[in-house]
Amino acid sequence: MGYQRLAPIHSVHEDDPEFSEGIDAFVVGLGEWIDTLQDAHAAGDFETLVARAAAQALAATTLGYPGLSDAARQVVRAAEDGEDENSRKAIGDLIELVQRVRLGHRSAA
């Protein structure tokens, strides 16, 4: 199984100057956000996991990343159900999308 390049994800608002600063700040903060989710999951703190994922889902929707928003909402659903393994998988799926968003943002700059 060889290396497969991830396809970049771009904001639907990437060409709109009104969104550029917000998109920049959002994408820069994605790494820290993922760290927070992973830390909350590792600690069994599903309340923080739900709150942080829900807030970022809303931000992703606003800034034109609907797929990322859907993935964050999947984390929320799994965490609300208290499903440790489902939460872990949802976070893993989210990490892949975050990588693709970061690739898309760098290629748009």
N, C-alpha and C. Protein backbone atom coordinates (compact mmCIF):
# COMPACT_ATOMS: atom_id res chain seq x y z
N MET A 1 0.85 -1.17 0.00
CA MET A 1 0.00 0.00 0.00
C MET A 1 0.89 1.23 0.00
N GLY A 2 0.79 2.02 -1.04
CA GLY A 2 1.65 3.18 -1.20
C GLY A 2 1.07 4.42 -0.57
N TYR A 3 1.87 5.44 -0.58
CA TYR A 3 1.45 6.74 -0.04
C TYR A 3 0.40 7.34 -0.95
N GLN A 4 -0.67 7.82 -0.36
CA GLN A 4 -1.72 8.46 -1.14
C GLN A 4 -1.84 9.90 -0.70
N ARG A 5 -1.67 10.81 -1.64
CA ARG A 5 -1.74 12.24 -1.33
C ARG A 5 -3.18 12.62 -1.00
N LEU A 6 -3.34 13.35 0.07
CA LEU A 6 -4.66 13.82 0.47
C LEU A 6 -5.10 14.97 -0.45
N ALA A 7 -6.34 14.95 -0.85
CA ALA A 7 -6.88 16.02 -1.69
C ALA A 7 -7.16 17.24 -0.81
N PRO A 8 -6.66 18.40 -1.22
CA PRO A 8 -6.90 19.61 -0.41
C PRO A 8 -8.38 19.99 -0.40
N ILE A 9 -8.78 20.58 0.71
CA ILE A 9 -10.14 21.11 0.85
C ILE A 9 -10.02 22.62 0.97
N HIS A 10 -10.82 23.32 0.18
CA HIS A 10 -10.83 24.78 0.19
C HIS A 10 -12.16 25.28 0.75
N SER A 11 -12.12 26.44 1.36
CA SER A 11 -13.35 27.08 1.82
C SER A 11 -14.17 27.51 0.62
N VAL A 12 -15.47 27.39 0.73
CA VAL A 12 -16.33 27.89 -0.34
C VAL A 12 -16.27 29.42 -0.41
N HIS A 13 -15.68 30.04 0.61
CA HIS A 13 -15.55 31.49 0.66
C HIS A 13 -14.11 31.96 0.41
N GLU A 14 -13.25 31.08 -0.10
CA GLU A 14 -11.84 31.43 -0.21
C GLU A 14 -11.57 32.64 -1.10
N ASP A 15 -12.43 32.94 -2.05
CA ASP A 15 -12.24 34.08 -2.93
C ASP A 15 -12.94 35.34 -2.45
N ASP A 16 -13.56 35.26 -1.29
CA ASP A 16 -14.29 36.41 -0.74
C ASP A 16 -13.41 37.10 0.30
N PRO A 17 -12.96 38.34 0.01
CA PRO A 17 -12.05 39.03 0.94
C PRO A 17 -12.64 39.26 2.33
N GLU A 18 -13.96 39.28 2.44
CA GLU A 18 -14.59 39.47 3.75
C GLU A 18 -14.31 38.31 4.69
N PHE A 19 -13.99 37.16 4.15
CA PHE A 19 -13.76 35.96 4.96
C PHE A 19 -12.29 35.64 5.18
N SER A 20 -11.38 36.31 4.47
CA SER A 20 -9.98 35.89 4.47
C SER A 20 -9.35 35.89 5.85
N GLU A 21 -9.54 36.94 6.64
CA GLU A 21 -8.95 36.97 7.98
C GLU A 21 -9.53 35.88 8.88
N GLY A 22 -10.83 35.72 8.83
CA GLY A 22 -11.47 34.69 9.64
C GLY A 22 -11.02 33.29 9.26
N ILE A 23 -10.90 33.04 7.95
CA ILE A 23 -10.43 31.74 7.49
C ILE A 23 -9.00 31.51 7.94
N ASP A 24 -8.15 32.53 7.78
CA ASP A 24 -6.75 32.40 8.22
C ASP A 24 -6.66 32.02 9.69
N ALA A 25 -7.37 32.76 10.54
CA ALA A 25 -7.32 32.50 11.98
C ALA A 25 -7.87 31.11 12.30
N PHE A 26 -8.94 30.74 11.64
CA PHE A 26 -9.56 29.43 11.85
C PHE A 26 -8.58 28.31 11.52
N VAL A 27 -7.99 28.38 10.34
CA VAL A 27 -7.08 27.31 9.90
C VAL A 27 -5.84 27.24 10.78
N VAL A 28 -5.30 28.39 11.16
CA VAL A 28 -4.13 28.41 12.05
C VAL A 28 -4.47 27.72 13.38
N GLY A 29 -5.68 27.90 13.87
CA GLY A 29 -6.07 27.33 15.16
C GLY A 29 -6.49 25.86 15.11
N LEU A 30 -6.56 25.26 13.93
CA LEU A 30 -7.04 23.88 13.84
C LEU A 30 -6.17 22.88 14.59
N GLY A 31 -4.88 23.05 14.54
CA GLY A 31 -3.99 22.11 15.24
C GLY A 31 -4.23 22.11 16.74
N GLU A 32 -4.34 23.30 17.32
CA GLU A 32 -4.60 23.42 18.75
C GLU A 32 -5.97 22.84 19.10
N TRP A 33 -6.94 23.08 18.24
CA TRP A 33 -8.28 22.57 18.45
C TRP A 33 -8.27 21.04 18.49
N ILE A 34 -7.59 20.41 17.54
CA ILE A 34 -7.50 18.96 17.52
C ILE A 34 -6.82 18.45 18.79
N ASP A 35 -5.75 19.14 19.21
CA ASP A 35 -5.08 18.76 20.45
C ASP A 35 -6.05 18.79 21.63
N THR A 36 -6.87 19.82 21.69
CA THR A 36 -7.85 19.96 22.77
C THR A 36 -8.85 18.80 22.75
N LEU A 37 -9.32 18.45 21.55
CA LEU A 37 -10.26 17.34 21.44
C LEU A 37 -9.62 16.02 21.88
N GLN A 38 -8.41 15.79 21.43
CA GLN A 38 -7.72 14.55 21.81
C GLN A 38 -7.45 14.50 23.31
N ASP A 39 -7.05 15.62 23.89
CA ASP A 39 -6.80 15.66 25.32
C ASP A 39 -8.09 15.40 26.11
N ALA A 40 -9.19 16.01 25.68
CA ALA A 40 -10.47 15.81 26.35
C ALA A 40 -10.90 14.35 26.24
N HIS A 41 -10.72 13.77 25.07
CA HIS A 41 -11.09 12.36 24.87
C HIS A 41 -10.25 11.46 25.77
N ALA A 42 -8.94 11.70 25.79
CA ALA A 42 -8.05 10.88 26.61
C ALA A 42 -8.40 10.96 28.09
N ALA A 43 -8.89 12.14 28.52
CA ALA A 43 -9.25 12.33 29.93
C ALA A 43 -10.68 11.86 30.22
N GLY A 44 -11.39 11.43 29.18
CA GLY A 44 -12.78 11.03 29.38
C GLY A 44 -13.70 12.20 29.63
N ASP A 45 -13.27 13.38 29.23
CA ASP A 45 -14.04 14.61 29.44
C ASP A 45 -14.93 14.86 28.22
N PHE A 46 -16.02 14.11 28.15
CA PHE A 46 -16.91 14.20 27.00
C PHE A 46 -17.66 15.52 26.95
N GLU A 47 -17.83 16.17 28.10
CA GLU A 47 -18.50 17.48 28.12
C GLU A 47 -17.67 18.51 27.34
N THR A 48 -16.37 18.55 27.61
CA THR A 48 -15.49 19.47 26.88
C THR A 48 -15.40 19.07 25.42
N LEU A 49 -15.33 17.80 25.16
CA LEU A 49 -15.27 17.30 23.80
C LEU A 49 -16.49 17.77 23.00
N VAL A 50 -17.66 17.64 23.57
CA VAL A 50 -18.90 18.08 22.91
C VAL A 50 -18.88 19.59 22.69
N ALA A 51 -18.54 20.34 23.72
CA ALA A 51 -18.57 21.80 23.62
C ALA A 51 -17.60 22.32 22.57
N ARG A 52 -16.37 21.82 22.59
CA ARG A 52 -15.35 22.30 21.64
C ARG A 52 -15.66 21.88 20.21
N ALA A 53 -16.13 20.65 20.03
CA ALA A 53 -16.46 20.18 18.68
C ALA A 53 -17.67 20.93 18.13
N ALA A 54 -18.66 21.19 18.97
CA ALA A 54 -19.85 21.92 18.52
C ALA A 54 -19.51 23.35 18.12
N ALA A 55 -18.66 24.00 18.90
CA ALA A 55 -18.27 25.38 18.58
C ALA A 55 -17.52 25.43 17.25
N GLN A 56 -16.63 24.48 17.03
CA GLN A 56 -15.87 24.47 15.78
C GLN A 56 -16.75 24.06 14.60
N ALA A 57 -17.74 23.24 14.83
CA ALA A 57 -18.67 22.88 13.75
C ALA A 57 -19.38 24.13 13.25
N LEU A 58 -19.81 24.97 14.18
CA LEU A 58 -20.47 26.23 13.81
C LEU A 58 -19.51 27.15 13.05
N ALA A 59 -18.29 27.28 13.55
CA ALA A 59 -17.29 28.12 12.88
C ALA A 59 -16.99 27.59 11.48
N ALA A 60 -16.87 26.28 11.35
CA ALA A 60 -16.58 25.69 10.04
C ALA A 60 -17.71 25.96 9.05
N THR A 61 -18.93 25.89 9.52
CA THR A 61 -20.07 26.20 8.66
C THR A 61 -20.01 27.66 8.21
N THR A 62 -19.79 28.55 9.14
CA THR A 62 -19.75 29.98 8.85
C THR A 62 -18.64 30.32 7.85
N LEU A 63 -17.50 29.66 7.98
CA LEU A 63 -16.34 29.98 7.17
C LEU A 63 -16.25 29.17 5.88
N GLY A 64 -17.25 28.34 5.61
CA GLY A 64 -17.31 27.66 4.32
C GLY A 64 -16.65 26.32 4.24
N TYR A 65 -16.64 25.59 5.34
CA TYR A 65 -16.10 24.23 5.36
C TYR A 65 -17.19 23.26 5.81
N PRO A 66 -18.17 23.00 4.96
CA PRO A 66 -19.30 22.15 5.39
C PRO A 66 -18.89 20.72 5.74
N GLY A 67 -17.95 20.14 5.03
CA GLY A 67 -17.51 18.78 5.34
C GLY A 67 -16.85 18.69 6.70
N LEU A 68 -16.04 19.70 7.02
CA LEU A 68 -15.40 19.75 8.32
C LEU A 68 -16.44 19.93 9.42
N SER A 69 -17.42 20.74 9.15
CA SER A 69 -18.51 20.94 10.11
C SER A 69 -19.26 19.64 10.37
N ASP A 70 -19.55 18.90 9.30
CA ASP A 70 -20.24 17.61 9.46
C ASP A 70 -19.41 16.64 10.29
N ALA A 71 -18.11 16.61 10.05
CA ALA A 71 -17.23 15.71 10.80
C ALA A 71 -17.16 16.11 12.27
N ALA A 72 -17.13 17.41 12.55
CA ALA A 72 -17.12 17.87 13.94
C ALA A 72 -18.44 17.50 14.63
N ARG A 73 -19.54 17.61 13.90
CA ARG A 73 -20.83 17.21 14.48
C ARG A 73 -20.89 15.71 14.74
N GLN A 74 -20.17 14.93 13.94
CA GLN A 74 -20.10 13.49 14.19
C GLN A 74 -19.37 13.22 15.51
N VAL A 75 -18.33 13.99 15.79
CA VAL A 75 -17.64 13.89 17.08
C VAL A 75 -18.61 14.22 18.20
N VAL A 76 -19.40 15.27 18.02
CA VAL A 76 -20.38 15.66 19.04
C VAL A 76 -21.35 14.51 19.30
N ARG A 77 -21.89 13.92 18.25
CA ARG A 77 -22.86 12.83 18.43
C ARG A 77 -22.24 11.65 19.17
N ALA A 78 -21.04 11.26 18.77
CA ALA A 78 -20.38 10.12 19.41
C ALA A 78 -20.08 10.42 20.88
N ALA A 79 -19.62 11.64 21.16
CA ALA A 79 -19.29 12.01 22.53
C ALA A 79 -20.55 12.11 23.39
N GLU A 80 -21.63 12.64 22.82
CA GLU A 80 -22.88 12.73 23.58
C GLU A 80 -23.41 11.36 23.96
N ASP A 81 -23.14 10.38 23.09
CA ASP A 81 -23.55 9.01 23.38
C ASP A 81 -22.59 8.32 24.34
N GLY A 82 -21.46 9.00 24.66
CA GLY A 82 -20.47 8.41 25.56
C GLY A 82 -19.74 7.24 24.94
N GLU A 83 -19.71 7.21 23.64
CA GLU A 83 -19.08 6.10 22.90
C GLU A 83 -17.60 6.38 22.71
N ASP A 84 -16.78 5.74 23.53
CA ASP A 84 -15.34 5.97 23.49
C ASP A 84 -14.74 5.60 22.14
N GLU A 85 -15.02 4.40 21.65
CA GLU A 85 -14.43 3.95 20.38
C GLU A 85 -14.99 4.75 19.20
N ASN A 86 -16.28 5.04 19.20
CA ASN A 86 -16.87 5.85 18.13
C ASN A 86 -16.31 7.27 18.16
N SER A 87 -16.08 7.79 19.35
CA SER A 87 -15.48 9.12 19.47
C SER A 87 -14.07 9.12 18.92
N ARG A 88 -13.32 8.10 19.25
CA ARG A 88 -11.94 7.99 18.76
C ARG A 88 -11.92 7.95 17.23
N LYS A 89 -12.80 7.15 16.63
CA LYS A 89 -12.87 7.06 15.18
C LYS A 89 -13.29 8.39 14.57
N ALA A 90 -14.28 9.04 15.17
CA ALA A 90 -14.75 10.32 14.65
C ALA A 90 -13.64 11.37 14.71
N ILE A 91 -12.86 11.37 15.78
CA ILE A 91 -11.74 12.31 15.89
C ILE A 91 -10.69 11.98 14.82
N GLY A 92 -10.43 10.71 14.59
CA GLY A 92 -9.49 10.31 13.54
C GLY A 92 -9.93 10.79 12.16
N ASP A 93 -11.22 10.63 11.87
CA ASP A 93 -11.76 11.12 10.60
C ASP A 93 -11.62 12.64 10.51
N LEU A 94 -11.87 13.30 11.61
CA LEU A 94 -11.77 14.75 11.67
C LEU A 94 -10.33 15.21 11.43
N ILE A 95 -9.37 14.49 11.99
CA ILE A 95 -7.96 14.84 11.80
C ILE A 95 -7.59 14.79 10.32
N GLU A 96 -8.07 13.79 9.62
CA GLU A 96 -7.78 13.70 8.18
C GLU A 96 -8.35 14.92 7.44
N LEU A 97 -9.56 15.31 7.77
CA LEU A 97 -10.15 16.48 7.12
C LEU A 97 -9.39 17.75 7.47
N VAL A 98 -8.96 17.88 8.72
CA VAL A 98 -8.17 19.05 9.12
C VAL A 98 -6.89 19.11 8.30
N GLN A 99 -6.24 17.99 8.10
CA GLN A 99 -5.03 17.98 7.27
C GLN A 99 -5.34 18.46 5.86
N ARG A 100 -6.45 18.04 5.31
CA ARG A 100 -6.84 18.44 3.96
C ARG A 100 -7.20 19.92 3.90
N VAL A 101 -7.85 20.43 4.93
CA VAL A 101 -8.16 21.86 4.99
C VAL A 101 -6.88 22.68 5.04
N ARG A 102 -5.93 22.24 5.85
CA ARG A 102 -4.66 22.95 5.96
C ARG A 102 -3.91 22.93 4.63
N LEU A 103 -3.95 21.81 3.93
CA LEU A 103 -3.33 21.73 2.60
C LEU A 103 -4.01 22.71 1.64
N GLY A 104 -5.33 22.74 1.67
CA GLY A 104 -6.08 23.63 0.79
C GLY A 104 -5.80 25.09 1.08
N HIS A 105 -5.66 25.40 2.35
CA HIS A 105 -5.41 26.78 2.74
C HIS A 105 -4.02 27.22 2.29
N ARG A 106 -3.05 26.35 2.46
CA ARG A 106 -1.67 26.69 2.04
C ARG A 106 -1.60 26.84 0.52
N SER A 107 -2.35 26.02 -0.22
CA SER A 107 -2.29 26.12 -1.68
C SER A 107 -3.06 27.33 -2.19
N ALA A 108 -3.98 27.86 -1.38
CA ALA A 108 -4.74 29.04 -1.79
C ALA A 108 -3.99 30.32 -1.47
N ALA A 109 -3.02 30.25 -0.56
CA ALA A 109 -2.30 31.46 -0.14
C ALA A 109 -1.31 31.93 -1.19
